[in-house]
Amino acid sequence: MSALRREAATIGVALLAAAVAGAVLIWFIGESPLEVYGLLLQSTWGTSYGLGQVLFKATPLVMTGLAVALAFKVGLFNIGGEGQLAVGSFVTALCGAAVPDWVPGPVAVALCLAAGMAAGAGLGAFAGALKVRYGAHEVINTIMLNFIVAALILWVGNEHFFVRYTTHTATISENAQLRHLGFTGSAANTSLFLALALAAAVAFFLGRTRRGYEWRAVGLSLRAAQNGGVHVGGVIIGAMAVSGALAGAVGANYVLGYKHYFERDIGAGVGFMGIAVALLGRNHPAGIVAASLLLGTLSHGGLAVSELVPKELVEILQAIIILTVAIAAAGRWRRRKPASAVEPRGGAAEPTPPDRSQP
């Protein structure tokens, strides 16, 4: 079975398992599974507002999913999307409020987007630099930076942007605001096209450029890439920077296209959901877009069916899908591990460290 068919089969099994388990739970509650699932689909893909909300919820998931997937390709685990999107959104709002009204709209949007992505990139690069310079694991770095960023934003907000019991920056200039897509009453905006463009750019970079090949080589075998002349430290810092920039772009959706200001906890949870999106999308940009649409459908559809079944049902469905895919991926990894662990014939053995226990 080809890799594409195998991945499609895995996703299909995950969706089927979630649908069957959800149907059983719905039946135990006393509702009709067909009625609940029908309402979920009708309220999302069956109405203009529902479709718009699915696209709105999927847009930031594409960005954070790309952020996680890009780091995965280099053998890194960036779970700092929460902090990177928070600082990116915060800086995007500050830039949007400061940009003069006479600046043309496309220029104003580009400036705000660049500022937010630069802030996220800086945070990601800092985590990468800690790994390269001191050997600190990126998981620990990014987790700690999530809390540090949240505390700093809260402190700055309390000092300068505390409005109505929360951190609330000034409204951005009108020329920096993104247009809505026209779905009735929906918050879907043109940042969707930015997310799709970023997905295409990541796919092109990883698959069609020399630098992308080097990044993937580091992810496959750091030592082999280093022996081949790749500057591994630069790749790690660069990958974490680009990953942070992708997460920082989320501000375009929430700040430029929806709220038009920054407030505390904006986009909360989207950074962590990016991990699930990357897993479901198999770290491929096209798969990440599809996984984002799936989770966006479940997220908005769960609100529509909450009158019939508990809202936690949607979370259970998401968990079953993610766990099924994760178990399948772990099984394939275990089957491949023995072959990849064998030292090539004639390869140099690892040097034995000297015994320093004896004088």
Protein backbone atom coordinates (compact mmCIF):
# COMPACT_ATOMS: atom_id res chain seq x y z
CA MET A 1 0.00 0.00 0.00
CA SER A 2 1.38 3.39 -0.97
CA ALA A 3 2.12 5.99 1.68
CA LEU A 4 -0.76 8.19 0.49
CA ARG A 5 -3.26 5.34 0.65
CA ARG A 6 -1.97 4.30 4.06
CA GLU A 7 -2.39 7.82 5.43
CA ALA A 8 -5.87 8.10 3.91
CA ALA A 9 -6.83 4.75 5.42
CA THR A 10 -5.59 5.88 8.84
CA ILE A 11 -7.64 9.07 8.74
CA GLY A 12 -10.66 7.15 7.48
CA VAL A 13 -10.42 4.65 10.32
CA ALA A 14 -10.05 7.50 12.83
CA LEU A 15 -13.16 9.26 11.52
CA LEU A 16 -15.15 6.01 11.49
CA ALA A 17 -14.08 5.16 15.05
CA ALA A 18 -15.06 8.62 16.25
CA ALA A 19 -18.43 8.45 14.45
CA VAL A 20 -19.25 5.01 15.90
CA ALA A 21 -18.16 5.95 19.43
CA GLY A 22 -20.10 9.20 19.21
CA ALA A 23 -23.20 7.40 17.99
CA VAL A 24 -23.04 5.02 20.95
CA LEU A 25 -22.72 7.92 23.40
CA ILE A 26 -25.58 9.81 21.75
CA TRP A 27 -27.76 6.70 21.90
CA PHE A 28 -27.03 6.29 25.63
CA ILE A 29 -28.04 9.91 26.19
CA GLY A 30 -31.37 9.16 24.55
CA GLU A 31 -31.01 11.10 21.31
CA SER A 32 -30.89 9.97 17.72
CA PRO A 33 -27.32 9.82 16.29
CA LEU A 34 -28.61 10.56 12.81
CA GLU A 35 -30.46 13.63 14.05
CA VAL A 36 -27.45 14.94 15.96
CA TYR A 37 -24.98 14.34 13.14
CA GLY A 38 -27.40 15.78 10.62
CA LEU A 39 -27.82 18.93 12.70
CA LEU A 40 -24.05 19.23 13.09
CA LEU A 41 -23.50 19.10 9.33
CA GLN A 42 -26.46 21.34 8.56
CA SER A 43 -25.34 24.01 11.01
CA THR A 44 -21.82 24.11 9.56
CA TRP A 45 -21.67 23.32 5.87
CA GLY A 46 -25.40 23.81 5.25
CA THR A 47 -25.67 27.54 5.98
CA SER A 48 -23.73 30.61 4.95
CA TYR A 49 -23.09 31.63 8.55
CA GLY A 50 -22.05 28.12 9.56
CA LEU A 51 -19.62 27.75 6.66
CA GLY A 52 -18.13 31.14 7.47
CA GLN A 53 -17.61 30.18 11.09
CA VAL A 54 -15.94 26.92 10.08
CA LEU A 55 -13.51 28.89 7.90
CA PHE A 56 -12.96 31.44 10.66
CA LYS A 57 -12.11 28.76 13.21
CA ALA A 58 -9.97 26.82 10.73
CA THR A 59 -7.83 29.81 9.72
CA PRO A 60 -5.73 30.13 12.91
CA LEU A 61 -5.49 26.34 13.16
CA VAL A 62 -3.82 26.24 9.75
CA MET A 63 -1.20 28.73 10.97
CA THR A 64 -0.42 27.03 14.27
CA GLY A 65 -0.55 23.60 12.62
CA LEU A 66 2.04 24.76 10.09
CA ALA A 67 4.16 26.13 12.94
CA VAL A 68 4.21 22.76 14.70
CA ALA A 69 4.68 20.76 11.49
CA LEU A 70 7.61 22.84 10.28
CA ALA A 71 9.42 22.31 13.56
CA PHE A 72 8.61 18.58 13.40
CA LYS A 73 10.26 18.38 9.98
CA VAL A 74 13.51 19.57 11.57
CA GLY A 75 13.16 17.16 14.48
CA LEU A 76 11.97 19.85 16.90
CA PHE A 77 8.85 19.99 19.05
CA ASN A 78 7.57 23.55 19.26
CA ILE A 79 4.75 23.68 21.78
CA GLY A 80 5.15 27.39 22.32
CA GLY A 81 2.42 28.34 19.86
CA GLU A 82 0.33 29.83 22.67
CA GLY A 83 3.02 32.31 23.62
CA GLN A 84 4.07 33.02 20.05
CA LEU A 85 0.54 33.76 18.86
CA ALA A 86 -0.10 35.87 21.97
CA VAL A 87 2.95 38.07 21.51
CA GLY A 88 2.31 38.20 17.76
CA SER A 89 -1.29 39.28 18.26
CA PHE A 90 -0.28 41.84 20.90
CA VAL A 91 2.36 43.45 18.69
CA THR A 92 0.00 43.32 15.70
CA ALA A 93 -2.58 45.29 17.69
CA LEU A 94 -0.02 47.85 18.87
CA CYS A 95 1.19 48.37 15.32
CA GLY A 96 -2.36 48.59 14.00
CA ALA A 97 -3.26 51.25 16.56
CA ALA A 98 -0.13 53.26 15.79
CA VAL A 99 -0.25 53.20 11.99
CA PRO A 100 -1.38 56.60 10.57
CA ASP A 101 -4.67 56.86 8.74
CA TRP A 102 -2.97 58.16 5.59
CA VAL A 103 -1.03 54.92 5.08
CA PRO A 104 -2.63 52.83 2.28
CA GLY A 105 -4.57 49.81 3.46
CA PRO A 106 -2.36 47.08 1.92
CA VAL A 107 0.75 48.75 3.35
CA ALA A 108 -0.82 49.11 6.80
CA VAL A 109 -1.89 45.47 6.84
CA ALA A 110 1.55 44.35 5.66
CA LEU A 111 3.26 46.40 8.39
CA CYS A 112 1.03 44.98 11.12
CA LEU A 113 1.41 41.44 9.84
CA ALA A 114 5.19 41.78 9.58
CA ALA A 115 5.40 43.16 13.11
CA GLY A 116 3.34 40.32 14.56
CA MET A 117 5.25 37.64 12.68
CA ALA A 118 8.57 39.22 13.69
CA ALA A 119 7.52 39.12 17.35
CA GLY A 120 6.59 35.44 17.09
CA ALA A 121 9.81 34.73 15.19
CA GLY A 122 11.88 36.42 17.87
CA LEU A 123 10.31 34.31 20.59
CA GLY A 124 10.82 31.12 18.59
CA ALA A 125 14.41 32.01 17.72
CA PHE A 126 15.15 32.65 21.39
CA ALA A 127 13.98 29.14 22.28
CA GLY A 128 16.10 27.74 19.46
CA ALA A 129 19.15 29.70 20.58
CA LEU A 130 18.81 28.32 24.10
CA LYS A 131 18.86 24.81 22.65
CA VAL A 132 21.88 25.46 20.46
CA ARG A 133 23.91 27.40 23.02
CA TYR A 134 23.09 25.56 26.24
CA GLY A 135 21.49 22.30 25.09
CA ALA A 136 18.18 23.16 26.76
CA HIS A 137 15.36 21.12 25.26
CA GLU A 138 12.94 23.13 23.12
CA VAL A 139 9.92 21.58 24.85
CA ILE A 140 10.99 23.02 28.20
CA ASN A 141 12.00 26.32 26.61
CA THR A 142 8.74 26.86 24.79
CA ILE A 143 6.57 25.78 27.73
CA MET A 144 8.31 28.23 30.04
CA LEU A 145 8.16 31.00 27.45
CA ASN A 146 4.40 30.52 27.18
CA PHE A 147 4.02 31.44 30.85
CA ILE A 148 6.61 34.22 30.68
CA VAL A 149 4.90 35.87 27.71
CA ALA A 150 1.48 35.60 29.36
CA ALA A 151 2.85 37.24 32.51
CA LEU A 152 4.61 40.03 30.59
CA ILE A 153 1.52 40.82 28.53
CA LEU A 154 -0.55 40.89 31.70
CA TRP A 155 1.96 43.23 33.37
CA VAL A 156 2.15 45.57 30.38
CA GLY A 157 -1.62 45.42 30.01
CA ASN A 158 -2.21 46.31 33.64
CA GLU A 159 0.16 49.26 33.31
CA HIS A 160 -1.04 50.69 30.01
CA PHE A 161 -4.02 48.81 28.50
CA PHE A 162 -6.26 47.82 31.38
CA VAL A 163 -9.85 48.52 30.29
CA ARG A 164 -13.05 47.05 31.69
CA TYR A 165 -11.43 44.42 33.91
CA THR A 166 -9.17 43.05 31.18
CA THR A 167 -6.19 43.88 28.97
CA HIS A 168 -7.67 45.73 26.02
CA THR A 169 -5.56 47.70 23.55
CA ALA A 170 -6.86 50.57 21.46
CA THR A 171 -8.81 49.78 18.31
CA ILE A 172 -6.60 49.50 15.24
CA SER A 173 -6.88 51.99 12.40
CA GLU A 174 -9.54 51.29 9.80
CA ASN A 175 -6.95 51.06 7.02
CA ALA A 176 -5.32 48.13 8.87
CA GLN A 177 -8.54 46.13 9.17
CA LEU A 178 -9.15 43.10 6.98
CA ARG A 179 -12.40 42.65 5.12
CA HIS A 180 -14.95 39.97 5.93
CA LEU A 181 -15.58 37.31 3.33
CA GLY A 182 -19.29 38.01 3.09
CA PHE A 183 -20.69 34.97 4.88
CA THR A 184 -23.83 36.22 6.63
CA GLY A 185 -22.95 37.39 10.14
CA SER A 186 -19.75 35.35 10.19
CA ALA A 187 -16.34 36.56 11.38
CA ALA A 188 -14.54 34.87 8.46
CA ASN A 189 -12.13 37.33 6.91
CA THR A 190 -9.44 37.56 4.26
CA SER A 191 -6.77 36.21 6.61
CA LEU A 192 -8.00 32.84 5.30
CA PHE A 193 -6.12 33.56 2.08
CA LEU A 194 -3.03 34.38 4.11
CA ALA A 195 -3.26 31.00 5.84
CA LEU A 196 -3.58 29.20 2.49
CA ALA A 197 -0.66 31.20 1.07
CA LEU A 198 1.49 30.26 4.08
CA ALA A 199 0.60 26.59 3.60
CA ALA A 200 1.63 26.79 -0.07
CA ALA A 201 4.85 28.62 0.86
CA VAL A 202 5.79 25.99 3.46
CA ALA A 203 5.11 23.18 1.00
CA PHE A 204 7.24 24.88 -1.66
CA PHE A 205 10.06 25.66 0.77
CA LEU A 206 10.32 22.14 2.18
CA GLY A 207 9.82 20.33 -1.10
CA ARG A 208 11.39 22.56 -3.73
CA THR A 209 14.29 24.50 -2.21
CA ARG A 210 17.82 23.58 -1.20
CA ARG A 211 17.39 25.13 2.22
CA GLY A 212 14.24 23.13 2.77
CA TYR A 213 16.10 19.97 1.84
CA GLU A 214 18.75 20.79 4.43
CA TRP A 215 16.09 21.34 7.08
CA ARG A 216 14.46 18.00 6.31
CA ALA A 217 17.86 16.34 6.34
CA VAL A 218 18.49 17.62 9.86
CA GLY A 219 15.14 16.19 10.92
CA LEU A 220 15.91 12.79 9.41
CA SER A 221 19.46 12.50 10.73
CA LEU A 222 21.17 15.34 12.52
CA ARG A 223 24.57 13.66 12.43
CA ALA A 224 24.38 12.83 8.73
CA ALA A 225 23.32 16.39 7.93
CA GLN A 226 26.19 17.76 10.01
CA ASN A 227 28.68 15.48 8.28
CA GLY A 228 27.28 16.69 4.97
CA GLY A 229 28.19 20.28 5.78
CA VAL A 230 24.87 21.56 7.09
CA HIS A 231 25.12 24.20 9.83
CA VAL A 232 22.82 22.42 12.26
CA GLY A 233 22.75 25.21 14.85
CA GLY A 234 21.63 27.73 12.25
CA VAL A 235 18.95 25.35 11.00
CA ILE A 236 17.56 24.86 14.51
CA ILE A 237 17.39 28.58 15.25
CA GLY A 238 16.01 29.36 11.80
CA ALA A 239 13.35 26.65 12.00
CA MET A 240 12.19 27.80 15.42
CA ALA A 241 12.11 31.40 14.16
CA VAL A 242 9.98 30.54 11.13
CA SER A 243 7.77 28.32 13.27
CA GLY A 244 7.23 31.21 15.68
CA ALA A 245 6.49 33.57 12.80
CA LEU A 246 3.77 31.25 11.50
CA ALA A 247 2.14 31.20 14.94
CA GLY A 248 2.55 34.98 15.24
CA ALA A 249 0.57 35.40 12.01
CA VAL A 250 -2.57 34.34 13.90
CA GLY A 251 -2.95 37.99 14.89
CA ALA A 252 -4.10 38.69 11.34
CA ASN A 253 -7.22 36.60 11.94
CA TYR A 254 -8.16 37.74 15.43
CA VAL A 255 -6.85 41.31 15.53
CA LEU A 256 -6.90 42.60 11.95
CA GLY A 257 -9.92 40.64 10.80
CA TYR A 258 -12.17 40.12 13.82
CA LYS A 259 -11.74 41.96 17.12
CA HIS A 260 -9.71 44.88 15.75
CA TYR A 261 -7.92 45.06 19.10
CA PHE A 262 -6.02 42.76 21.44
CA GLU A 263 -7.53 41.46 24.62
CA ARG A 264 -6.26 38.98 27.16
CA ASP A 265 -6.61 35.28 26.23
CA ILE A 266 -7.35 36.06 22.59
CA GLY A 267 -6.93 32.84 20.63
CA ALA A 268 -6.34 30.84 23.82
CA GLY A 269 -5.96 27.13 23.11
CA VAL A 270 -5.30 27.54 19.39
CA GLY A 271 -1.56 27.09 19.88
CA PHE A 272 -2.00 23.73 21.56
CA MET A 273 -4.63 22.66 19.03
CA GLY A 274 -2.00 23.23 16.37
CA ILE A 275 -0.25 20.10 17.69
CA ALA A 276 -3.38 18.04 17.01
CA VAL A 277 -3.76 19.64 13.58
CA ALA A 278 -0.17 18.78 12.65
CA LEU A 279 -0.68 15.21 13.85
CA LEU A 280 -3.92 14.75 11.92
CA GLY A 281 -2.47 16.42 8.84
CA ARG A 282 0.60 14.15 8.97
CA ASN A 283 2.82 17.28 8.96
CA HIS A 284 1.88 18.00 5.35
CA PRO A 285 0.50 21.47 4.49
CA ALA A 286 -2.42 20.08 2.49
CA GLY A 287 -3.25 17.67 5.29
CA ILE A 288 -3.05 20.49 7.81
CA VAL A 289 -5.60 22.54 5.86
CA ALA A 290 -7.96 19.53 5.74
CA ALA A 291 -7.46 18.77 9.45
CA SER A 292 -8.15 22.41 10.32
CA LEU A 293 -11.43 22.31 8.43
CA LEU A 294 -12.39 19.10 10.23
CA LEU A 295 -11.67 20.50 13.70
CA GLY A 296 -13.28 23.79 12.76
CA THR A 297 -16.41 21.90 11.74
CA LEU A 298 -16.51 20.00 15.02
CA SER A 299 -15.84 23.16 17.03
CA HIS A 300 -18.69 25.18 15.54
CA GLY A 301 -21.00 22.21 15.08
CA GLY A 302 -20.65 21.38 18.76
CA LEU A 303 -22.27 24.69 19.62
CA ALA A 304 -25.24 23.93 17.38
CA VAL A 305 -25.93 20.49 18.85
CA SER A 306 -25.35 21.54 22.47
CA GLU A 307 -29.11 21.68 23.03
CA LEU A 308 -29.38 17.97 22.24
CA VAL A 309 -26.14 16.56 23.66
CA PRO A 310 -23.47 17.86 26.05
CA LYS A 311 -20.84 20.04 24.42
CA GLU A 312 -18.17 17.68 25.75
CA LEU A 313 -19.26 15.18 23.09
CA VAL A 314 -17.35 17.14 20.45
CA GLU A 315 -14.23 17.08 22.61
CA ILE A 316 -14.60 13.31 22.92
CA LEU A 317 -14.88 12.97 19.13
CA GLN A 318 -11.77 15.08 18.65
CA ALA A 319 -9.87 13.03 21.21
CA ILE A 320 -10.84 9.72 19.57
CA ILE A 321 -9.72 10.95 16.15
CA ILE A 322 -6.40 12.21 17.48
CA LEU A 323 -5.71 9.10 19.56
CA THR A 324 -6.50 6.77 16.66
CA VAL A 325 -4.11 8.62 14.36
CA ALA A 326 -1.45 8.78 17.08
CA ILE A 327 -1.68 5.04 17.79
CA ALA A 328 -1.37 4.23 14.08
CA ALA A 329 1.64 6.55 13.74
CA ALA A 330 3.29 5.03 16.82
CA GLY A 331 2.79 1.53 15.44
CA ARG A 332 4.48 2.43 12.15
CA TRP A 333 7.34 4.10 14.01
CA ARG A 334 7.92 1.00 16.15
CA ARG A 335 8.00 -1.21 13.05
CA ARG A 336 10.56 1.04 11.35
CA LYS A 337 12.77 1.57 14.40
CA PRO A 338 14.76 -1.71 14.36
CA ALA A 339 15.80 -1.23 10.72
CA SER A 340 16.86 2.38 11.21
CA ALA A 341 18.74 1.55 14.38
CA VAL A 342 21.13 -0.90 12.67
CA GLU A 343 24.59 0.55 12.11
CA PRO A 344 25.49 0.50 8.37
CA ARG A 345 28.11 -2.07 7.40
CA GLY A 346 31.52 -0.55 7.77
CA GLY A 347 30.20 2.41 9.75
CA ALA A 348 32.31 3.91 12.46
CA ALA A 349 31.43 2.78 15.97
CA GLU A 350 30.64 5.25 18.69
CA PRO A 351 33.73 6.06 20.76
CA THR A 352 33.69 4.55 24.23
CA PRO A 353 33.94 7.20 26.93
CA PRO A 354 36.95 6.80 29.20
CA ASP A 355 36.47 5.24 32.62
CA ARG A 356 37.08 8.05 35.05
CA SER A 357 36.15 6.03 38.12
CA GLN A 358 39.76 4.76 38.48
CA PRO A 359 42.68 7.02 39.27
